[in-house]
Amino acid sequence: MKLNAPMIRLITMDFGVYSTKELLQRGFSTWQIRREADNGVLVALRRGWYATATADPDVVTAVRLGGVLGCVSALRKHKLWVPPGYERVHTRPTRDGELKSARACVGFGRPPAALTAVDPIPVALLHAAKCMRAEHWIATCDSALNSAGLTVSRMASEIGPSARRISSLLDKCDPDSQSGTESITRVRLRAHGFAVVVQPSISGVGRTDLRIGRLLIECDSVQHHTSLESYHNDRRRDRRALVDGWLTLRITYDDVLYGWEAVLADIRAITRPDRHRRRERP
């Protein structure tokens, strides 16, 4: 069946799952919605919700269950950094649905009305605060702050009154953080009493991920450090830093997520004899 222009635009955007209200707002009449459903162009998921043939399967599952895609799953759909361990579909109950799953994600306060099939970032973060480990939530919130250009106070405002329940987590967030690995490293080191500077600018070297005294910590990822240019640039920076009296420690995603005790032991070994405190040249 040949689709009209509005239907073509609809199919190529978002996640392919829409409420009746959304379809009406996009210019469809009740009669058109019923016709497209009868013709199989739209599939009724539950009362008031429809999916296209190319709809995201996770979103379809959440809406079929009686809720919307929320919490960690929604954050991942928004392209934010999410650590491993949260692979199941996280469904948030809504006021107008009867969620058919005992594994629903229940956040703080009453569930907000479902405006879209995938919760916006502030709503998803609010519910994820109960599902994620604290350091993981902080790292994902850092990702949201960095990618959206928001401040911590603005994020608290977006989350709303319930932000008081997670204010201690928000206080530990930092929009300057450039990666999830960096965020988790910062949170863990500060928890152990280290004074960590985020994204310091070092003369002759440029920006580095973290600094403790004169110890520079670079959180390397495969995505950003595998090119020949990056390889040479990293070595040049390390060489210049060493000449100027800085120590550089490079750690990887696997080091932080799966070998943290060894990383912490190395940092303590470096810092224990006060070797990391910068001494100015005479």
C-alpha atoms as a PDB file:
ATOM      1  CA  MET A   1       0.000   0.000   0.000  1.00  0.00           C
ATOM      2  CA  LYS A   2       1.320   3.450  -0.915  1.00  0.00           C
ATOM      3  CA  LEU A   3       1.609   5.660   2.162  1.00  0.00           C
ATOM      4  CA  ASN A   4       0.718   9.311   2.227  1.00  0.00           C
ATOM      5  CA  ALA A   5       3.397  11.910   3.062  1.00  0.00           C
ATOM      6  CA  PRO A   6       2.535  12.299   6.751  1.00  0.00           C
ATOM      7  CA  MET A   7       2.763   8.546   7.282  1.00  0.00           C
ATOM      8  CA  ILE A   8       6.168   8.377   5.532  1.00  0.00           C
ATOM      9  CA  ARG A   9       7.553  11.120   7.782  1.00  0.00           C
ATOM     10  CA  LEU A  10       6.135   9.355  10.811  1.00  0.00           C
ATOM     11  CA  ILE A  11       7.771   6.043  10.022  1.00  0.00           C
ATOM     12  CA  THR A  12      11.255   7.526   9.559  1.00  0.00           C
ATOM     13  CA  MET A  13      11.464   9.264  12.935  1.00  0.00           C
ATOM     14  CA  ASP A  14      11.468   8.413  16.616  1.00  0.00           C
ATOM     15  CA  PHE A  15      11.107   4.766  17.623  1.00  0.00           C
ATOM     16  CA  GLY A  16       8.028   3.840  15.623  1.00  0.00           C
ATOM     17  CA  VAL A  17       5.588   3.608  18.543  1.00  0.00           C
ATOM     18  CA  TYR A  18       2.970   6.327  19.077  1.00  0.00           C
ATOM     19  CA  SER A  19      -0.037   7.098  21.195  1.00  0.00           C
ATOM     20  CA  THR A  20      -3.299   8.134  19.583  1.00  0.00           C
ATOM     21  CA  LYS A  21      -2.693  11.625  20.952  1.00  0.00           C
ATOM     22  CA  GLU A  22       0.679  11.831  19.201  1.00  0.00           C
ATOM     23  CA  LEU A  23      -0.808  10.678  15.899  1.00  0.00           C
ATOM     24  CA  LEU A  24      -3.547  13.287  16.140  1.00  0.00           C
ATOM     25  CA  GLN A  25      -0.954  15.965  16.904  1.00  0.00           C
ATOM     26  CA  ARG A  26       0.954  14.921  13.778  1.00  0.00           C
ATOM     27  CA  GLY A  27      -2.036  15.580  11.571  1.00  0.00           C
ATOM     28  CA  PHE A  28      -3.829  12.255  11.408  1.00  0.00           C
ATOM     29  CA  SER A  29      -7.558  12.031  11.898  1.00  0.00           C
ATOM     30  CA  THR A  30      -9.249   9.304  13.907  1.00  0.00           C
ATOM     31  CA  TRP A  31     -10.515   7.856  10.639  1.00  0.00           C
ATOM     32  CA  GLN A  32      -6.994   7.725   9.136  1.00  0.00           C
ATOM     33  CA  ILE A  33      -5.602   5.985  12.211  1.00  0.00           C
ATOM     34  CA  ARG A  34      -8.357   3.375  12.062  1.00  0.00           C
ATOM     35  CA  ARG A  35      -7.812   2.871   8.325  1.00  0.00           C
ATOM     36  CA  GLU A  36      -4.031   2.386   8.671  1.00  0.00           C
ATOM     37  CA  ALA A  37      -4.627  -0.067  11.518  1.00  0.00           C
ATOM     38  CA  ASP A  38      -7.146  -2.036   9.422  1.00  0.00           C
ATOM     39  CA  ASN A  39      -4.660  -2.144   6.521  1.00  0.00           C
ATOM     40  CA  GLY A  40      -1.833  -3.359   8.749  1.00  0.00           C
ATOM     41  CA  VAL A  41       0.300  -0.231   8.346  1.00  0.00           C
ATOM     42  CA  LEU A  42      -0.180   0.446  12.042  1.00  0.00           C
ATOM     43  CA  VAL A  43      -0.343  -2.343  14.623  1.00  0.00           C
ATOM     44  CA  ALA A  44      -2.407  -1.817  17.742  1.00  0.00           C
ATOM     45  CA  LEU A  45      -0.273  -2.662  20.788  1.00  0.00           C
ATOM     46  CA  ARG A  46      -2.848  -1.816  23.416  1.00  0.00           C
ATOM     47  CA  ARG A  47      -5.666   0.667  23.698  1.00  0.00           C
ATOM     48  CA  GLY A  48      -4.459   4.037  22.449  1.00  0.00           C
ATOM     49  CA  TRP A  49      -1.008   2.879  21.275  1.00  0.00           C
ATOM     50  CA  TYR A  50       0.209   1.873  17.804  1.00  0.00           C
ATOM     51  CA  ALA A  51       3.425   0.696  16.181  1.00  0.00           C
ATOM     52  CA  THR A  52       4.780   0.838  12.645  1.00  0.00           C
ATOM     53  CA  ALA A  53       6.331  -2.142  10.885  1.00  0.00           C
ATOM     54  CA  THR A  54       9.835  -0.834  11.611  1.00  0.00           C
ATOM     55  CA  ALA A  55       9.242  -0.001  15.272  1.00  0.00           C
ATOM     56  CA  ASP A  56      11.967  -0.637  17.822  1.00  0.00           C
ATOM     57  CA  PRO A  57      11.269  -4.094  19.355  1.00  0.00           C
ATOM     58  CA  ASP A  58      12.217  -3.037  22.890  1.00  0.00           C
ATOM     59  CA  VAL A  59       9.765  -0.134  22.750  1.00  0.00           C
ATOM     60  CA  VAL A  60       7.056  -2.412  21.350  1.00  0.00           C
ATOM     61  CA  THR A  61       7.613  -4.885  24.192  1.00  0.00           C
ATOM     62  CA  ALA A  62       7.359  -2.177  26.862  1.00  0.00           C
ATOM     63  CA  VAL A  63       4.134  -0.731  25.469  1.00  0.00           C
ATOM     64  CA  ARG A  64       2.558  -4.162  24.955  1.00  0.00           C
ATOM     65  CA  LEU A  65       3.219  -4.879  28.636  1.00  0.00           C
ATOM     66  CA  GLY A  66       1.161  -1.851  29.575  1.00  0.00           C
ATOM     67  CA  GLY A  67       3.849   0.782  30.176  1.00  0.00           C
ATOM     68  CA  VAL A  68       6.517   2.665  28.257  1.00  0.00           C
ATOM     69  CA  LEU A  69      10.231   2.089  27.784  1.00  0.00           C
ATOM     70  CA  GLY A  70      11.907   3.802  30.704  1.00  0.00           C
ATOM     71  CA  CYS A  71      14.728   3.725  33.214  1.00  0.00           C
ATOM     72  CA  VAL A  72      18.047   2.316  31.936  1.00  0.00           C
ATOM     73  CA  SER A  73      16.586   1.109  28.632  1.00  0.00           C
ATOM     74  CA  ALA A  74      15.358   4.601  27.767  1.00  0.00           C
ATOM     75  CA  LEU A  75      18.745   6.113  28.667  1.00  0.00           C
ATOM     76  CA  ARG A  76      20.441   3.686  26.301  1.00  0.00           C
ATOM     77  CA  LYS A  77      18.000   4.590  23.504  1.00  0.00           C
ATOM     78  CA  HIS A  78      18.960   8.235  24.047  1.00  0.00           C
ATOM     79  CA  LYS A  79      22.570   7.230  23.222  1.00  0.00           C
ATOM     80  CA  LEU A  80      23.872   7.898  26.721  1.00  0.00           C
ATOM     81  CA  TRP A  81      26.724   5.907  28.227  1.00  0.00           C
ATOM     82  CA  VAL A  82      25.325   2.983  30.203  1.00  0.00           C
ATOM     83  CA  PRO A  83      27.591   0.375  31.835  1.00  0.00           C
ATOM     84  CA  PRO A  84      27.052  -3.351  31.306  1.00  0.00           C
ATOM     85  CA  GLY A  85      24.696  -5.318  33.499  1.00  0.00           C
ATOM     86  CA  TYR A  86      21.386  -3.656  32.639  1.00  0.00           C
ATOM     87  CA  GLU A  87      20.457  -5.507  29.457  1.00  0.00           C
ATOM     88  CA  ARG A  88      16.849  -6.469  30.239  1.00  0.00           C
ATOM     89  CA  VAL A  89      14.019  -4.289  28.952  1.00  0.00           C
ATOM     90  CA  HIS A  90      13.133  -1.762  31.655  1.00  0.00           C
ATOM     91  CA  THR A  91       9.450  -0.870  31.541  1.00  0.00           C
ATOM     92  CA  ARG A  92       7.896   1.992  33.467  1.00  0.00           C
ATOM     93  CA  PRO A  93       4.262   1.839  34.535  1.00  0.00           C
ATOM     94  CA  THR A  94       2.008   4.698  33.444  1.00  0.00           C
ATOM     95  CA  ARG A  95      -1.194   6.157  34.810  1.00  0.00           C
ATOM     96  CA  ASP A  96      -3.228   4.952  31.842  1.00  0.00           C
ATOM     97  CA  GLY A  97      -1.851   1.426  31.558  1.00  0.00           C
ATOM     98  CA  GLU A  98      -2.034  -1.797  33.516  1.00  0.00           C
ATOM     99  CA  LEU A  99       1.492  -3.092  33.540  1.00  0.00           C
ATOM    100  CA  LYS A 100       1.598  -6.868  33.092  1.00  0.00           C
ATOM    101  CA  SER A 101       5.045  -7.397  34.556  1.00  0.00           C
ATOM    102  CA  ALA A 102       6.289  -7.857  38.090  1.00  0.00           C
ATOM    103  CA  ARG A 103       9.661  -6.461  37.006  1.00  0.00           C
ATOM    104  CA  ALA A 104       8.408  -2.948  36.370  1.00  0.00           C
ATOM    105  CA  CYS A 105      10.693  -0.062  37.280  1.00  0.00           C
ATOM    106  CA  VAL A 106       9.053   2.019  39.973  1.00  0.00           C
ATOM    107  CA  GLY A 107      10.611   5.398  40.624  1.00  0.00           C
ATOM    108  CA  PHE A 108       9.996   8.112  43.184  1.00  0.00           C
ATOM    109  CA  GLY A 109       6.475   9.490  43.550  1.00  0.00           C
ATOM    110  CA  ARG A 110       3.515   8.867  41.263  1.00  0.00           C
ATOM    111  CA  PRO A 111       4.339   7.697  37.737  1.00  0.00           C
ATOM    112  CA  PRO A 112       4.111  10.628  35.317  1.00  0.00           C
ATOM    113  CA  ALA A 113       1.770  10.562  32.357  1.00  0.00           C
ATOM    114  CA  ALA A 114       3.179   8.849  29.285  1.00  0.00           C
ATOM    115  CA  LEU A 115       3.913  11.564  26.719  1.00  0.00           C
ATOM    116  CA  THR A 116       5.950   9.300  24.450  1.00  0.00           C
ATOM    117  CA  ALA A 117       6.696   5.595  24.175  1.00  0.00           C
ATOM    118  CA  VAL A 118      10.261   6.226  25.381  1.00  0.00           C
ATOM    119  CA  ASP A 119      10.700   8.317  28.517  1.00  0.00           C
ATOM    120  CA  PRO A 120      12.675  11.557  28.186  1.00  0.00           C
ATOM    121  CA  ILE A 121      16.089  11.657  29.877  1.00  0.00           C
ATOM    122  CA  PRO A 122      15.051  13.346  33.181  1.00  0.00           C
ATOM    123  CA  VAL A 123      12.178  10.899  33.762  1.00  0.00           C
ATOM    124  CA  ALA A 124      14.390   7.938  32.840  1.00  0.00           C
ATOM    125  CA  LEU A 125      17.129   9.116  35.216  1.00  0.00           C
ATOM    126  CA  LEU A 126      14.628   9.517  38.029  1.00  0.00           C
ATOM    127  CA  HIS A 127      13.556   5.880  37.717  1.00  0.00           C
ATOM    128  CA  ALA A 128      17.055   4.576  37.025  1.00  0.00           C
ATOM    129  CA  ALA A 129      18.179   5.895  40.415  1.00  0.00           C
ATOM    130  CA  LYS A 130      16.442   2.871  41.952  1.00  0.00           C
ATOM    131  CA  CYS A 131      17.723   0.331  39.418  1.00  0.00           C
ATOM    132  CA  MET A 132      21.374   1.331  38.945  1.00  0.00           C
ATOM    133  CA  ARG A 133      24.329   1.276  41.278  1.00  0.00           C
ATOM    134  CA  ALA A 134      25.101   4.790  42.505  1.00  0.00           C
ATOM    135  CA  GLU A 135      28.383   5.139  40.609  1.00  0.00           C
ATOM    136  CA  HIS A 136      26.768   3.851  37.425  1.00  0.00           C
ATOM    137  CA  TRP A 137      23.893   6.330  37.745  1.00  0.00           C
ATOM    138  CA  ILE A 138      26.356   9.191  38.266  1.00  0.00           C
ATOM    139  CA  ALA A 139      28.337   8.170  35.183  1.00  0.00           C
ATOM    140  CA  THR A 140      25.193   7.996  33.040  1.00  0.00           C
ATOM    141  CA  CYS A 141      23.988  11.346  34.393  1.00  0.00           C
ATOM    142  CA  ASP A 142      27.432  12.802  33.557  1.00  0.00           C
ATOM    143  CA  SER A 143      26.880  11.557  30.008  1.00  0.00           C
ATOM    144  CA  ALA A 144      23.519  13.332  29.869  1.00  0.00           C
ATOM    145  CA  LEU A 145      24.943  16.544  31.292  1.00  0.00           C
ATOM    146  CA  ASN A 146      27.862  16.519  28.880  1.00  0.00           C
ATOM    147  CA  SER A 147      25.901  15.680  25.734  1.00  0.00           C
ATOM    148  CA  ALA A 148      23.019  18.060  26.443  1.00  0.00           C
ATOM    149  CA  GLY A 149      25.118  20.923  27.792  1.00  0.00           C
ATOM    150  CA  LEU A 150      23.120  21.050  31.047  1.00  0.00           C
ATOM    151  CA  THR A 151      24.265  22.008  34.523  1.00  0.00           C
ATOM    152  CA  VAL A 152      23.612  19.949  37.638  1.00  0.00           C
ATOM    153  CA  SER A 153      21.142  22.560  38.910  1.00  0.00           C
ATOM    154  CA  ARG A 154      19.308  22.534  35.585  1.00  0.00           C
ATOM    155  CA  MET A 155      19.129  18.750  35.613  1.00  0.00           C
ATOM    156  CA  ALA A 156      17.714  18.857  39.141  1.00  0.00           C
ATOM    157  CA  SER A 157      15.089  21.309  37.917  1.00  0.00           C
ATOM    158  CA  GLU A 158      14.229  19.045  34.966  1.00  0.00           C
ATOM    159  CA  ILE A 159      13.824  16.018  37.228  1.00  0.00           C
ATOM    160  CA  GLY A 160      11.526  17.992  39.517  1.00  0.00           C
ATOM    161  CA  PRO A 161      10.655  17.804  43.230  1.00  0.00           C
ATOM    162  CA  SER A 162      11.673  14.156  43.452  1.00  0.00           C
ATOM    163  CA  ALA A 163      15.264  15.250  42.782  1.00  0.00           C
ATOM    164  CA  ARG A 164      15.544  15.820  46.542  1.00  0.00           C
ATOM    165  CA  ARG A 165      15.624  12.033  46.922  1.00  0.00           C
ATOM    166  CA  ILE A 166      18.697  11.780  44.702  1.00  0.00           C
ATOM    167  CA  SER A 167      20.354  15.103  45.511  1.00  0.00           C
ATOM    168  CA  SER A 168      23.397  13.363  46.979  1.00  0.00           C
ATOM    169  CA  LEU A 169      23.953  11.615  43.636  1.00  0.00           C
ATOM    170  CA  LEU A 170      23.494  14.808  41.649  1.00  0.00           C
ATOM    171  CA  ASP A 171      26.047  16.554  43.861  1.00  0.00           C
ATOM    172  CA  LYS A 172      28.627  14.007  42.724  1.00  0.00           C
ATOM    173  CA  CYS A 173      27.940  14.527  39.003  1.00  0.00           C
ATOM    174  CA  ASP A 174      30.246  16.538  36.761  1.00  0.00           C
ATOM    175  CA  PRO A 175      29.299  17.768  33.252  1.00  0.00           C
ATOM    176  CA  ASP A 176      32.991  18.077  32.322  1.00  0.00           C
ATOM    177  CA  SER A 177      33.485  14.324  32.424  1.00  0.00           C
ATOM    178  CA  GLN A 178      34.209  12.961  28.947  1.00  0.00           C
ATOM    179  CA  SER A 179      33.448   9.257  29.388  1.00  0.00           C
ATOM    180  CA  GLY A 180      31.748   6.760  31.640  1.00  0.00           C
ATOM    181  CA  THR A 181      35.077   5.174  32.532  1.00  0.00           C
ATOM    182  CA  GLU A 182      36.401   8.569  33.610  1.00  0.00           C
ATOM    183  CA  SER A 183      33.275   9.251  35.682  1.00  0.00           C
ATOM    184  CA  ILE A 184      33.465   5.967  37.586  1.00  0.00           C
ATOM    185  CA  THR A 185      37.192   6.433  38.194  1.00  0.00           C
ATOM    186  CA  ARG A 186      36.574   9.921  39.600  1.00  0.00           C
ATOM    187  CA  VAL A 187      33.764   8.763  41.893  1.00  0.00           C
ATOM    188  CA  ARG A 188      35.740   5.817  43.230  1.00  0.00           C
ATOM    189  CA  LEU A 189      38.928   7.797  43.853  1.00  0.00           C
ATOM    190  CA  ARG A 190      37.079  10.581  45.665  1.00  0.00           C
ATOM    191  CA  ALA A 191      35.345   7.955  47.792  1.00  0.00           C
ATOM    192  CA  HIS A 192      38.827   6.814  48.845  1.00  0.00           C
ATOM    193  CA  GLY A 193      39.775  10.352  49.820  1.00  0.00           C
ATOM    194  CA  PHE A 194      41.755  11.458  46.764  1.00  0.00           C
ATOM    195  CA  ALA A 195      41.499  15.096  45.639  1.00  0.00           C
ATOM    196  CA  VAL A 196      40.660  14.600  41.961  1.00  0.00           C
ATOM    197  CA  VAL A 197      40.697  17.399  39.385  1.00  0.00           C
ATOM    198  CA  VAL A 198      38.524  16.758  36.318  1.00  0.00           C
ATOM    199  CA  GLN A 199      39.771  17.639  32.824  1.00  0.00           C
ATOM    200  CA  PRO A 200      42.713  19.799  33.948  1.00  0.00           C
ATOM    201  CA  SER A 201      44.604  21.751  31.283  1.00  0.00           C
ATOM    202  CA  ILE A 202      48.330  20.983  31.462  1.00  0.00           C
ATOM    203  CA  SER A 203      50.768  23.343  29.738  1.00  0.00           C
ATOM    204  CA  GLY A 204      52.448  21.660  26.784  1.00  0.00           C
ATOM    205  CA  VAL A 205      50.255  18.576  27.164  1.00  0.00           C
ATOM    206  CA  GLY A 206      46.680  19.815  26.802  1.00  0.00           C
ATOM    207  CA  ARG A 207      43.649  18.473  28.617  1.00  0.00           C
ATOM    208  CA  THR A 208      43.905  15.230  30.508  1.00  0.00           C
ATOM    209  CA  ASP A 209      41.102  13.202  32.026  1.00  0.00           C
ATOM    210  CA  LEU A 210      41.954  13.386  35.727  1.00  0.00           C
ATOM    211  CA  ARG A 211      44.712  14.720  37.967  1.00  0.00           C
ATOM    212  CA  ILE A 212      45.794  13.843  41.508  1.00  0.00           C
ATOM    213  CA  GLY A 213      48.654  16.107  42.509  1.00  0.00           C
ATOM    214  CA  ARG A 214      51.215  15.599  39.735  1.00  0.00           C
ATOM    215  CA  LEU A 215      49.768  12.246  38.703  1.00  0.00           C
ATOM    216  CA  LEU A 216      47.823  12.462  35.429  1.00  0.00           C
ATOM    217  CA  ILE A 217      45.289   9.689  34.840  1.00  0.00           C
ATOM    218  CA  GLU A 218      44.126   8.990  31.282  1.00  0.00           C
ATOM    219  CA  CYS A 219      41.078   6.743  30.854  1.00  0.00           C
ATOM    220  CA  ASP A 220      41.661   5.249  27.412  1.00  0.00           C
ATOM    221  CA  SER A 221      38.942   3.698  25.271  1.00  0.00           C
ATOM    222  CA  VAL A 222      39.284   1.549  22.178  1.00  0.00           C
ATOM    223  CA  GLN A 223      37.003   3.902  20.268  1.00  0.00           C
ATOM    224  CA  HIS A 224      39.185   6.981  20.719  1.00  0.00           C
ATOM    225  CA  HIS A 225      42.680   5.565  21.033  1.00  0.00           C
ATOM    226  CA  THR A 226      43.145   3.019  18.242  1.00  0.00           C
ATOM    227  CA  SER A 227      44.054   5.267  15.308  1.00  0.00           C
ATOM    228  CA  LEU A 228      47.718   5.719  14.387  1.00  0.00           C
ATOM    229  CA  GLU A 229      47.364   9.463  14.923  1.00  0.00           C
ATOM    230  CA  SER A 230      45.984   8.978  18.449  1.00  0.00           C
ATOM    231  CA  TYR A 231      48.698   6.455  19.218  1.00  0.00           C
ATOM    232  CA  HIS A 232      51.474   8.890  18.288  1.00  0.00           C
ATOM    233  CA  ASN A 233      49.773  11.861  19.949  1.00  0.00           C
ATOM    234  CA  ASP A 234      49.323   9.987  23.242  1.00  0.00           C
ATOM    235  CA  ARG A 235      53.012   9.058  23.339  1.00  0.00           C
ATOM    236  CA  ARG A 236      54.076  12.621  22.550  1.00  0.00           C
ATOM    237  CA  ARG A 237      51.870  13.949  25.348  1.00  0.00           C
ATOM    238  CA  ASP A 238      53.215  11.382  27.816  1.00  0.00           C
ATOM    239  CA  ARG A 239      56.795  12.227  26.892  1.00  0.00           C
ATOM    240  CA  ARG A 240      56.230  15.965  27.321  1.00  0.00           C
ATOM    241  CA  ALA A 241      54.442  15.415  30.625  1.00  0.00           C
ATOM    242  CA  LEU A 242      57.315  13.338  31.979  1.00  0.00           C
ATOM    243  CA  VAL A 243      59.901  15.944  30.948  1.00  0.00           C
ATOM    244  CA  ASP A 244      57.871  18.602  32.793  1.00  0.00           C
ATOM    245  CA  GLY A 245      57.696  16.567  35.982  1.00  0.00           C
ATOM    246  CA  TRP A 246      54.288  14.889  35.618  1.00  0.00           C
ATOM    247  CA  LEU A 247      53.563  11.183  35.997  1.00  0.00           C
ATOM    248  CA  THR A 248      51.058   9.614  33.583  1.00  0.00           C
ATOM    249  CA  LEU A 249      48.974   6.522  34.324  1.00  0.00           C
ATOM    250  CA  ARG A 250      46.857   5.117  31.491  1.00  0.00           C
ATOM    251  CA  ILE A 251      43.941   2.850  32.401  1.00  0.00           C
ATOM    252  CA  THR A 252      41.360   1.154  30.198  1.00  0.00           C
ATOM    253  CA  TYR A 253      37.654   0.390  30.316  1.00  0.00           C
ATOM    254  CA  ASP A 254      38.420  -3.207  31.358  1.00  0.00           C
ATOM    255  CA  ASP A 255      40.807  -1.992  34.062  1.00  0.00           C
ATOM    256  CA  VAL A 256      38.084   0.131  35.647  1.00  0.00           C
ATOM    257  CA  LEU A 257      35.100  -2.211  35.211  1.00  0.00           C
ATOM    258  CA  TYR A 258      36.818  -5.532  35.850  1.00  0.00           C
ATOM    259  CA  GLY A 259      40.234  -4.888  37.437  1.00  0.00           C
ATOM    260  CA  TRP A 260      39.687  -1.940  39.735  1.00  0.00           C
ATOM    261  CA  GLU A 261      41.457  -3.333  42.806  1.00  0.00           C
ATOM    262  CA  ALA A 262      44.718  -3.588  40.855  1.00  0.00           C
ATOM    263  CA  VAL A 263      44.298  -0.035  39.523  1.00  0.00           C
ATOM    264  CA  LEU A 264      43.626   1.327  43.008  1.00  0.00           C
ATOM    265  CA  ALA A 265      46.647  -0.520  44.384  1.00  0.00           C
ATOM    266  CA  ASP A 266      48.859   1.036  41.697  1.00  0.00           C
ATOM    267  CA  ILE A 267      47.548   4.547  42.399  1.00  0.00           C
ATOM    268  CA  ARG A 268      48.104   4.087  46.108  1.00  0.00           C
ATOM    269  CA  ALA A 269      51.632   2.817  45.449  1.00  0.00           C
ATOM    270  CA  ILE A 270      52.392   5.923  43.413  1.00  0.00           C
ATOM    271  CA  THR A 271      50.830   8.381  45.825  1.00  0.00           C
ATOM    272  CA  ARG A 272      51.752   6.842  49.175  1.00  0.00           C
ATOM    273  CA  PRO A 273      55.374   8.123  49.243  1.00  0.00           C
ATOM    274  CA  ASP A 274      54.133  11.596  48.195  1.00  0.00           C
ATOM    275  CA  ARG A 275      55.638  11.183  44.736  1.00  0.00           C
ATOM    276  CA  HIS A 276      52.502  12.598  43.105  1.00  0.00           C
ATOM    277  CA  ARG A 277      52.775  16.081  44.626  1.00  0.00           C
ATOM    278  CA  ARG A 278      54.068  18.507  42.105  1.00  0.00           C
ATOM    279  CA  ARG A 279      57.276  20.342  42.922  1.00  0.00           C
ATOM    280  CA  GLU A 280      57.851  23.631  41.179  1.00  0.00           C
ATOM    281  CA  ARG A 281      61.154  24.023  39.392  1.00  0.00           C
ATOM    282  CA  PRO A 282      63.526  26.557  40.976  1.00  0.00           C
END
